[in-house]
N, C-alpha and C. Protein backbone atom coordinates (compact mmCIF):
# COMPACT_ATOMS: atom_id res chain seq x y z
N MET A 1 7.63 -7.25 42.42
CA MET A 1 9.06 -6.99 42.36
C MET A 1 9.46 -6.33 43.68
N ASN A 2 10.47 -6.91 44.33
CA ASN A 2 10.90 -6.34 45.60
C ASN A 2 12.09 -5.40 45.40
N PHE A 3 12.47 -4.74 46.48
CA PHE A 3 13.55 -3.76 46.40
C PHE A 3 14.86 -4.38 45.94
N SER A 4 15.17 -5.58 46.40
CA SER A 4 16.42 -6.24 46.00
C SER A 4 16.45 -6.50 44.50
N ASN A 5 15.31 -6.90 43.93
CA ASN A 5 15.24 -7.10 42.48
C ASN A 5 15.48 -5.77 41.75
N LEU A 6 14.85 -4.72 42.24
CA LEU A 6 15.04 -3.41 41.62
C LEU A 6 16.50 -2.97 41.73
N HIS A 7 17.09 -3.21 42.90
CA HIS A 7 18.49 -2.85 43.13
C HIS A 7 19.38 -3.58 42.13
N MET A 8 19.13 -4.87 41.92
CA MET A 8 19.90 -5.64 40.96
C MET A 8 19.80 -5.05 39.56
N LEU A 9 18.59 -4.72 39.16
CA LEU A 9 18.39 -4.14 37.83
C LEU A 9 19.12 -2.81 37.68
N MET A 10 19.08 -1.99 38.72
CA MET A 10 19.71 -0.69 38.66
C MET A 10 21.24 -0.78 38.69
N ILE A 11 21.78 -1.87 39.22
CA ILE A 11 23.23 -2.11 39.14
C ILE A 11 23.59 -2.55 37.72
N LEU A 12 22.81 -3.46 37.16
CA LEU A 12 23.10 -4.00 35.83
C LEU A 12 22.90 -2.98 34.71
N TYR A 13 21.89 -2.15 34.82
CA TYR A 13 21.48 -1.27 33.73
C TYR A 13 22.62 -0.40 33.19
N PRO A 14 23.38 0.29 34.03
CA PRO A 14 24.43 1.16 33.47
C PRO A 14 25.76 0.45 33.16
N MET A 15 25.88 -0.82 33.50
CA MET A 15 27.15 -1.52 33.33
C MET A 15 27.48 -1.79 31.87
N GLU A 16 28.78 -1.77 31.56
CA GLU A 16 29.22 -2.13 30.22
C GLU A 16 28.78 -3.56 29.93
N ASN A 17 28.24 -3.79 28.78
CA ASN A 17 27.69 -5.08 28.37
C ASN A 17 26.50 -5.53 29.22
N ARG A 18 26.07 -4.71 30.15
CA ARG A 18 24.91 -5.00 31.01
C ARG A 18 25.00 -6.39 31.61
N ARG A 19 26.17 -6.68 32.20
CA ARG A 19 26.35 -7.95 32.88
C ARG A 19 27.38 -7.80 33.98
N ILE A 20 27.31 -8.73 34.95
CA ILE A 20 28.23 -8.76 36.08
C ILE A 20 28.31 -10.21 36.57
N LYS A 21 29.46 -10.58 37.13
CA LYS A 21 29.56 -11.92 37.71
C LYS A 21 28.61 -12.00 38.90
N LEU A 22 27.95 -13.14 39.04
CA LEU A 22 27.00 -13.33 40.14
C LEU A 22 27.65 -13.11 41.50
N ASN A 23 28.88 -13.62 41.69
CA ASN A 23 29.52 -13.45 43.00
C ASN A 23 29.86 -11.99 43.27
N ALA A 24 30.19 -11.22 42.24
CA ALA A 24 30.46 -9.79 42.41
C ALA A 24 29.17 -9.04 42.76
N LEU A 25 28.08 -9.42 42.13
CA LEU A 25 26.79 -8.81 42.44
C LEU A 25 26.36 -9.15 43.86
N ALA A 26 26.58 -10.38 44.27
CA ALA A 26 26.25 -10.79 45.64
C ALA A 26 27.03 -9.94 46.64
N ALA A 27 28.31 -9.72 46.38
CA ALA A 27 29.13 -8.90 47.28
C ALA A 27 28.62 -7.46 47.33
N ARG A 28 28.25 -6.90 46.18
CA ARG A 28 27.74 -5.51 46.15
C ARG A 28 26.44 -5.36 46.92
N LEU A 29 25.62 -6.42 46.89
CA LEU A 29 24.33 -6.36 47.57
C LEU A 29 24.39 -6.89 49.00
N GLY A 30 25.55 -7.42 49.40
CA GLY A 30 25.68 -7.98 50.75
C GLY A 30 24.89 -9.26 50.92
N LEU A 31 24.81 -10.07 49.87
CA LEU A 31 24.05 -11.30 49.90
C LEU A 31 24.97 -12.51 49.74
N THR A 32 24.47 -13.66 50.14
CA THR A 32 25.18 -14.91 49.91
C THR A 32 24.96 -15.34 48.46
N CYS A 33 25.74 -16.30 48.02
CA CYS A 33 25.53 -16.85 46.67
C CYS A 33 24.14 -17.46 46.55
N ALA A 34 23.68 -18.13 47.60
CA ALA A 34 22.34 -18.71 47.58
C ALA A 34 21.28 -17.61 47.47
N GLY A 35 21.46 -16.53 48.20
CA GLY A 35 20.51 -15.42 48.16
C GLY A 35 20.45 -14.76 46.79
N ILE A 36 21.61 -14.55 46.18
CA ILE A 36 21.64 -13.91 44.87
C ILE A 36 21.04 -14.84 43.81
N THR A 37 21.26 -16.14 43.97
CA THR A 37 20.69 -17.11 43.03
C THR A 37 19.17 -17.04 43.07
N LYS A 38 18.60 -16.96 44.26
CA LYS A 38 17.14 -16.88 44.40
C LYS A 38 16.60 -15.62 43.73
N LEU A 39 17.26 -14.49 43.96
CA LEU A 39 16.82 -13.25 43.32
C LEU A 39 16.95 -13.33 41.81
N ALA A 40 18.07 -13.87 41.35
CA ALA A 40 18.30 -14.00 39.91
C ALA A 40 17.26 -14.91 39.27
N ASP A 41 16.87 -15.96 39.97
CA ASP A 41 15.84 -16.86 39.44
C ASP A 41 14.56 -16.08 39.15
N GLY A 42 14.17 -15.21 40.05
CA GLY A 42 12.96 -14.42 39.86
C GLY A 42 13.05 -13.49 38.66
N LEU A 43 14.21 -12.84 38.49
CA LEU A 43 14.39 -11.94 37.35
C LEU A 43 14.47 -12.72 36.04
N ASP A 44 15.09 -13.91 36.09
CA ASP A 44 15.13 -14.77 34.90
C ASP A 44 13.72 -15.15 34.47
N GLN A 45 12.88 -15.52 35.43
CA GLN A 45 11.50 -15.93 35.13
C GLN A 45 10.70 -14.80 34.51
N LYS A 46 11.00 -13.57 34.90
CA LYS A 46 10.30 -12.41 34.32
C LYS A 46 10.84 -12.05 32.94
N GLY A 47 11.96 -12.67 32.55
CA GLY A 47 12.57 -12.36 31.26
C GLY A 47 13.47 -11.15 31.30
N PHE A 48 13.81 -10.66 32.49
CA PHE A 48 14.64 -9.47 32.64
C PHE A 48 16.13 -9.78 32.62
N THR A 49 16.51 -11.01 32.97
CA THR A 49 17.92 -11.41 33.01
C THR A 49 18.06 -12.84 32.50
N PHE A 50 19.30 -13.19 32.22
CA PHE A 50 19.66 -14.58 31.96
C PHE A 50 21.10 -14.76 32.43
N ARG A 51 21.47 -16.00 32.66
CA ARG A 51 22.83 -16.29 33.12
C ARG A 51 23.64 -16.94 32.01
N SER A 52 24.94 -16.66 32.03
CA SER A 52 25.85 -17.27 31.06
C SER A 52 27.17 -17.58 31.75
N VAL A 53 27.88 -18.54 31.19
CA VAL A 53 29.17 -18.95 31.75
C VAL A 53 30.23 -17.90 31.44
N VAL A 54 31.10 -17.64 32.42
CA VAL A 54 32.22 -16.73 32.22
C VAL A 54 33.27 -17.47 31.39
N PRO A 55 33.67 -16.93 30.25
CA PRO A 55 34.68 -17.62 29.44
C PRO A 55 35.95 -17.89 30.25
N GLY A 56 36.43 -19.13 30.16
CA GLY A 56 37.64 -19.51 30.87
C GLY A 56 37.43 -19.90 32.32
N ASP A 57 36.18 -19.78 32.81
CA ASP A 57 35.89 -20.15 34.20
C ASP A 57 34.49 -20.73 34.26
N ARG A 58 34.40 -22.03 34.01
CA ARG A 58 33.08 -22.67 33.94
C ARG A 58 32.33 -22.64 35.25
N ARG A 59 33.01 -22.37 36.37
CA ARG A 59 32.32 -22.35 37.66
C ARG A 59 31.69 -20.99 37.96
N SER A 60 32.06 -19.97 37.21
CA SER A 60 31.52 -18.63 37.43
C SER A 60 30.46 -18.32 36.40
N LEU A 61 29.48 -17.55 36.83
CA LEU A 61 28.38 -17.16 35.94
C LEU A 61 28.24 -15.65 35.90
N PHE A 62 27.88 -15.15 34.73
CA PHE A 62 27.44 -13.76 34.58
C PHE A 62 25.93 -13.75 34.74
N ILE A 63 25.41 -12.65 35.27
CA ILE A 63 23.99 -12.36 35.13
C ILE A 63 23.93 -11.22 34.11
N ASN A 64 23.14 -11.43 33.09
CA ASN A 64 23.04 -10.51 31.96
C ASN A 64 21.66 -9.88 31.91
N LEU A 65 21.60 -8.61 31.65
CA LEU A 65 20.33 -7.91 31.51
C LEU A 65 19.82 -8.09 30.08
N THR A 66 18.57 -8.50 29.94
CA THR A 66 17.96 -8.64 28.61
C THR A 66 17.48 -7.27 28.13
N ASN A 67 17.08 -7.21 26.87
CA ASN A 67 16.51 -5.96 26.35
C ASN A 67 15.25 -5.58 27.12
N GLU A 68 14.45 -6.60 27.49
CA GLU A 68 13.23 -6.34 28.27
C GLU A 68 13.60 -5.78 29.65
N GLY A 69 14.63 -6.35 30.26
CA GLY A 69 15.08 -5.87 31.57
C GLY A 69 15.61 -4.45 31.49
N ALA A 70 16.35 -4.15 30.42
CA ALA A 70 16.87 -2.79 30.24
C ALA A 70 15.73 -1.79 30.03
N ALA A 71 14.74 -2.18 29.25
CA ALA A 71 13.59 -1.29 29.02
C ALA A 71 12.84 -1.03 30.32
N PHE A 72 12.67 -2.07 31.14
CA PHE A 72 12.00 -1.90 32.42
C PHE A 72 12.82 -0.98 33.33
N ALA A 73 14.13 -1.23 33.42
CA ALA A 73 15.00 -0.40 34.26
C ALA A 73 14.94 1.06 33.82
N GLU A 74 14.97 1.28 32.51
CA GLU A 74 14.90 2.64 32.00
C GLU A 74 13.57 3.29 32.35
N SER A 75 12.49 2.51 32.29
CA SER A 75 11.17 3.08 32.55
C SER A 75 10.97 3.47 34.01
N ILE A 76 11.69 2.84 34.92
CA ILE A 76 11.49 3.15 36.35
C ILE A 76 12.61 3.98 36.95
N GLU A 77 13.68 4.20 36.19
CA GLU A 77 14.85 4.88 36.74
C GLU A 77 14.51 6.25 37.34
N GLY A 78 13.79 7.07 36.62
CA GLY A 78 13.44 8.39 37.12
C GLY A 78 12.56 8.33 38.36
N SER A 79 11.61 7.42 38.38
CA SER A 79 10.73 7.27 39.54
C SER A 79 11.50 6.83 40.77
N LEU A 80 12.44 5.90 40.58
CA LEU A 80 13.24 5.43 41.72
C LEU A 80 14.09 6.55 42.30
N VAL A 81 14.71 7.32 41.43
CA VAL A 81 15.54 8.43 41.89
C VAL A 81 14.68 9.42 42.66
N SER A 82 13.50 9.73 42.15
CA SER A 82 12.60 10.66 42.84
C SER A 82 12.18 10.13 44.21
N CYS A 83 11.85 8.84 44.28
CA CYS A 83 11.45 8.24 45.56
C CYS A 83 12.59 8.27 46.57
N ILE A 84 13.78 7.96 46.12
CA ILE A 84 14.93 7.97 47.02
C ILE A 84 15.21 9.39 47.51
N ARG A 85 15.17 10.35 46.61
CA ARG A 85 15.41 11.75 47.00
C ARG A 85 14.34 12.19 48.02
N GLU A 86 13.10 11.85 47.76
CA GLU A 86 12.02 12.22 48.66
C GLU A 86 12.20 11.54 50.02
N GLY A 87 12.51 10.23 49.99
CA GLY A 87 12.70 9.50 51.23
C GLY A 87 13.85 10.03 52.08
N LEU A 88 14.88 10.53 51.42
CA LEU A 88 16.03 11.09 52.13
C LEU A 88 15.86 12.57 52.45
N GLY A 89 14.76 13.15 51.96
CA GLY A 89 14.51 14.56 52.23
C GLY A 89 15.40 15.48 51.42
N ILE A 90 15.81 15.02 50.26
CA ILE A 90 16.68 15.81 49.39
C ILE A 90 15.80 16.54 48.40
N GLY A 91 15.82 17.85 48.45
CA GLY A 91 14.98 18.64 47.55
C GLY A 91 15.53 18.70 46.15
N SER A 92 14.76 19.25 45.29
CA SER A 92 15.16 19.38 43.88
C SER A 92 16.09 20.55 43.66
N GLY A 93 16.33 21.33 44.70
CA GLY A 93 17.23 22.47 44.56
C GLY A 93 16.53 23.71 44.02
N VAL A 94 15.21 23.63 43.87
CA VAL A 94 14.45 24.77 43.32
C VAL A 94 13.95 25.62 44.44
């Protein structure tokens, strides 16, 4: 799992309904539609996400977090925050 995959999961995890339009996710990550599709394919294969059609707009897709994806995101959330804080030199305040 690469950083971009982790970043995608961490964006999806706290979202209402745990989904976002693929083009909106691409914009948040600074990726092209082709780039986000490749990343989404990898998460779909792991069973962490799936795609669905946006009602009323057959050309747009949601990427949805599965229960397995949510469980994985929850299991790594604390570790990721700790790594980021450490990498940025942000102490625990103690």
